[in-house]
Amino acid sequence: MEVLLSPYSIPNNYFINCGAHSNTNVHTRVFVRDRGFLVEKGEIVKNNNSSASISPLYQVARIFIHQASYKFNINQTEAG
């Protein structure tokens, strides 16, 4: 039996920037703010010692003190 495998390509739909107020472009990817995917709200913490050399992805974070989750709608074509 011969098995043909196609290379996996990363879908560009779910790169998340947790806690951000807006989308962030890093190289060729867009990291979207997480607000639209949250099931439970969490607190946002911000790096007050930020510098230009630190990626925007590390400037904010979202923390949860209780169980939390995100909800994503994934199409069959996106899942591989």
N, C-alpha and C. Protein backbone atom coordinates (compact mmCIF):
# COMPACT_ATOMS: atom_id res chain seq x y z
N MET A 1 0.84 -1.17 0.00
CA MET A 1 0.00 0.00 0.00
C MET A 1 0.89 1.24 0.00
N GLU A 2 0.55 2.20 -0.81
CA GLU A 2 1.30 3.45 -0.89
C GLU A 2 0.49 4.56 -0.23
N VAL A 3 1.15 5.29 0.62
CA VAL A 3 0.49 6.40 1.31
C VAL A 3 1.10 7.70 0.80
N LEU A 4 0.25 8.58 0.34
CA LEU A 4 0.70 9.88 -0.13
C LEU A 4 0.39 10.92 0.92
N LEU A 5 1.39 11.63 1.32
CA LEU A 5 1.21 12.69 2.31
C LEU A 5 1.47 14.04 1.68
N SER A 6 0.60 14.96 1.95
CA SER A 6 0.84 16.32 1.47
C SER A 6 1.45 17.11 2.62
N PRO A 7 2.30 18.07 2.30
CA PRO A 7 2.93 18.86 3.36
C PRO A 7 1.88 19.68 4.11
N TYR A 8 2.09 19.82 5.40
CA TYR A 8 1.18 20.60 6.22
C TYR A 8 1.50 22.07 6.07
N SER A 9 0.49 22.85 5.85
CA SER A 9 0.69 24.30 5.82
C SER A 9 -0.10 24.91 6.97
N ILE A 10 0.52 25.81 7.67
CA ILE A 10 -0.10 26.42 8.84
C ILE A 10 -1.21 27.36 8.39
N PRO A 11 -2.43 27.16 8.90
CA PRO A 11 -3.49 28.10 8.54
C PRO A 11 -3.21 29.47 9.13
N ASN A 12 -3.56 30.49 8.41
CA ASN A 12 -3.28 31.85 8.86
C ASN A 12 -4.43 32.45 9.65
N ASN A 13 -5.36 31.63 10.09
CA ASN A 13 -6.56 32.17 10.72
C ASN A 13 -6.47 32.35 12.22
N TYR A 14 -5.61 31.63 12.91
CA TYR A 14 -5.66 31.62 14.36
C TYR A 14 -4.31 31.88 15.01
N PHE A 15 -3.74 33.01 14.73
CA PHE A 15 -2.58 33.49 15.46
C PHE A 15 -3.13 34.55 16.41
N ILE A 16 -3.01 34.29 17.70
CA ILE A 16 -3.70 35.11 18.70
C ILE A 16 -2.71 35.94 19.50
N ASN A 17 -3.03 37.21 19.67
CA ASN A 17 -2.26 38.11 20.52
C ASN A 17 -3.08 38.35 21.78
N CYS A 18 -2.85 37.52 22.79
CA CYS A 18 -3.67 37.53 24.01
C CYS A 18 -3.53 38.84 24.78
N GLY A 19 -4.66 39.48 25.01
CA GLY A 19 -4.69 40.70 25.79
C GLY A 19 -4.51 41.97 24.98
N ALA A 20 -4.19 41.86 23.72
CA ALA A 20 -3.95 43.05 22.90
C ALA A 20 -5.26 43.78 22.59
N HIS A 21 -5.16 45.08 22.40
CA HIS A 21 -6.32 45.89 22.05
C HIS A 21 -6.54 45.95 20.55
N SER A 22 -5.53 45.52 19.77
CA SER A 22 -5.64 45.54 18.32
C SER A 22 -4.81 44.41 17.74
N ASN A 23 -4.99 44.17 16.46
CA ASN A 23 -4.21 43.14 15.78
C ASN A 23 -2.76 43.59 15.66
N THR A 24 -1.84 42.63 15.56
CA THR A 24 -0.42 42.92 15.49
C THR A 24 0.21 42.16 14.34
N ASN A 25 0.95 42.85 13.49
CA ASN A 25 1.66 42.20 12.39
C ASN A 25 3.07 41.85 12.83
N VAL A 26 3.45 40.59 12.67
CA VAL A 26 4.80 40.13 12.96
C VAL A 26 5.25 39.33 11.75
N HIS A 27 6.25 39.85 11.07
CA HIS A 27 6.74 39.26 9.82
C HIS A 27 5.58 39.17 8.84
N THR A 28 5.19 37.98 8.42
CA THR A 28 4.11 37.86 7.44
C THR A 28 2.80 37.40 8.07
N ARG A 29 2.74 37.35 9.39
CA ARG A 29 1.55 36.84 10.07
C ARG A 29 0.83 37.97 10.82
N VAL A 30 -0.48 37.85 10.86
CA VAL A 30 -1.30 38.79 11.62
C VAL A 30 -1.79 38.06 12.87
N PHE A 31 -1.41 38.56 14.04
CA PHE A 31 -1.87 38.03 15.31
C PHE A 31 -3.06 38.87 15.73
N VAL A 32 -4.24 38.24 15.80
CA VAL A 32 -5.46 38.99 16.09
C VAL A 32 -5.68 39.07 17.59
N ARG A 33 -6.31 40.14 18.02
CA ARG A 33 -6.63 40.27 19.44
C ARG A 33 -7.58 39.15 19.83
N ASP A 34 -7.54 38.75 21.06
CA ASP A 34 -8.28 37.56 21.49
C ASP A 34 -9.70 37.83 21.95
N ARG A 35 -10.10 39.04 22.01
CA ARG A 35 -11.39 39.40 22.60
C ARG A 35 -12.56 38.65 21.96
N GLY A 36 -12.56 38.48 20.67
CA GLY A 36 -13.67 37.81 19.98
C GLY A 36 -13.73 36.31 20.18
N PHE A 37 -12.71 35.72 20.77
CA PHE A 37 -12.64 34.27 20.95
C PHE A 37 -12.82 33.84 22.40
N LEU A 38 -12.87 34.78 23.31
CA LEU A 38 -12.95 34.46 24.74
C LEU A 38 -14.33 33.96 25.14
N VAL A 39 -14.35 32.90 25.92
CA VAL A 39 -15.58 32.45 26.53
C VAL A 39 -15.71 33.09 27.91
N GLU A 40 -14.61 33.21 28.62
CA GLU A 40 -14.56 33.86 29.92
C GLU A 40 -13.59 35.05 29.84
N LYS A 41 -13.89 36.10 30.56
CA LYS A 41 -13.00 37.26 30.56
C LYS A 41 -11.83 37.02 31.51
N GLY A 42 -10.73 37.64 31.20
CA GLY A 42 -9.56 37.59 32.07
C GLY A 42 -9.00 38.99 32.24
N GLU A 43 -8.02 39.12 33.06
CA GLU A 43 -7.36 40.41 33.28
C GLU A 43 -6.21 40.57 32.30
N ILE A 44 -5.98 41.80 31.88
CA ILE A 44 -4.88 42.11 30.97
C ILE A 44 -3.76 42.73 31.77
N VAL A 45 -2.56 42.24 31.56
CA VAL A 45 -1.38 42.84 32.18
C VAL A 45 -0.49 43.36 31.07
N LYS A 46 0.15 44.49 31.34
CA LYS A 46 0.97 45.15 30.34
C LYS A 46 2.40 45.26 30.85
N ASN A 47 3.35 45.07 29.95
CA ASN A 47 4.77 45.22 30.27
C ASN A 47 5.09 46.72 30.29
N ASN A 48 5.31 47.27 31.46
CA ASN A 48 5.61 48.70 31.58
C ASN A 48 7.07 49.02 31.27
N ASN A 49 7.91 48.01 31.19
CA ASN A 49 9.32 48.21 30.87
C ASN A 49 9.61 47.83 29.42
N SER A 50 8.69 48.15 28.56
CA SER A 50 8.84 47.75 27.16
C SER A 50 9.91 48.58 26.45
N SER A 51 10.49 47.94 25.46
CA SER A 51 11.46 48.64 24.61
C SER A 51 11.17 48.27 23.17
N ALA A 52 11.74 49.01 22.26
CA ALA A 52 11.50 48.77 20.83
C ALA A 52 12.03 47.41 20.39
N SER A 53 12.98 46.85 21.12
CA SER A 53 13.56 45.57 20.72
C SER A 53 12.70 44.37 21.13
N ILE A 54 11.69 44.59 21.96
CA ILE A 54 10.81 43.49 22.39
C ILE A 54 9.63 43.39 21.43
N SER A 55 9.35 42.18 20.97
CA SER A 55 8.24 41.95 20.05
C SER A 55 6.93 42.45 20.66
N PRO A 56 6.05 43.00 19.84
CA PRO A 56 4.75 43.44 20.35
C PRO A 56 3.95 42.30 20.99
N LEU A 57 4.26 41.06 20.63
CA LEU A 57 3.56 39.92 21.21
C LEU A 57 3.86 39.75 22.69
N TYR A 58 4.97 40.33 23.15
CA TYR A 58 5.35 40.20 24.55
C TYR A 58 5.05 41.47 25.36
N GLN A 59 4.29 42.38 24.80
CA GLN A 59 3.98 43.63 25.49
C GLN A 59 2.78 43.50 26.43
N VAL A 60 1.85 42.60 26.11
CA VAL A 60 0.66 42.39 26.94
C VAL A 60 0.40 40.90 27.08
N ALA A 61 -0.35 40.55 28.09
CA ALA A 61 -0.76 39.16 28.31
C ALA A 61 -2.12 39.16 28.99
N ARG A 62 -2.80 38.07 28.89
CA ARG A 62 -4.08 37.93 29.58
C ARG A 62 -3.92 36.83 30.63
N ILE A 63 -4.36 37.13 31.84
CA ILE A 63 -4.26 36.14 32.90
C ILE A 63 -5.67 35.80 33.41
N PHE A 64 -5.81 34.58 33.86
CA PHE A 64 -7.09 34.11 34.38
C PHE A 64 -6.88 33.59 35.79
N ILE A 65 -7.78 33.93 36.69
CA ILE A 65 -7.69 33.39 38.05
C ILE A 65 -8.66 32.22 38.24
N HIS A 66 -9.49 31.97 37.26
CA HIS A 66 -10.41 30.84 37.25
C HIS A 66 -10.24 30.12 35.92
N GLN A 67 -10.84 28.95 35.81
CA GLN A 67 -10.80 28.22 34.56
C GLN A 67 -11.37 29.09 33.45
N ALA A 68 -10.74 29.06 32.30
CA ALA A 68 -11.18 29.88 31.17
C ALA A 68 -10.99 29.10 29.89
N SER A 69 -11.59 29.59 28.84
CA SER A 69 -11.43 28.91 27.55
C SER A 69 -11.64 29.90 26.41
N TYR A 70 -11.18 29.48 25.26
CA TYR A 70 -11.38 30.21 24.02
C TYR A 70 -12.24 29.34 23.12
N LYS A 71 -12.99 29.95 22.22
CA LYS A 71 -13.81 29.20 21.28
C LYS A 71 -13.45 29.63 19.86
N PHE A 72 -13.10 28.65 19.03
CA PHE A 72 -12.73 28.91 17.65
C PHE A 72 -13.64 28.13 16.72
N ASN A 73 -14.09 28.75 15.65
CA ASN A 73 -14.82 28.05 14.60
C ASN A 73 -13.81 27.64 13.54
N ILE A 74 -13.63 26.34 13.38
CA ILE A 74 -12.63 25.83 12.44
C ILE A 74 -13.33 25.08 11.34
N ASN A 75 -13.11 25.49 10.10
CA ASN A 75 -13.66 24.80 8.95
C ASN A 75 -12.86 23.55 8.67
N GLN A 76 -13.49 22.57 8.03
CA GLN A 76 -12.80 21.32 7.71
C GLN A 76 -11.56 21.58 6.86
N THR A 77 -11.62 22.52 5.92
CA THR A 77 -10.47 22.81 5.07
C THR A 77 -9.33 23.42 5.86
N GLU A 78 -9.64 24.13 6.94
CA GLU A 78 -8.61 24.72 7.78
C GLU A 78 -7.96 23.69 8.68
N ALA A 79 -8.70 22.65 9.04
CA ALA A 79 -8.20 21.63 9.95
C ALA A 79 -7.27 20.65 9.25
N GLY A 80 -7.22 20.67 7.95
CA GLY A 80 -6.34 19.76 7.23
C GLY A 80 -7.09 18.62 6.72
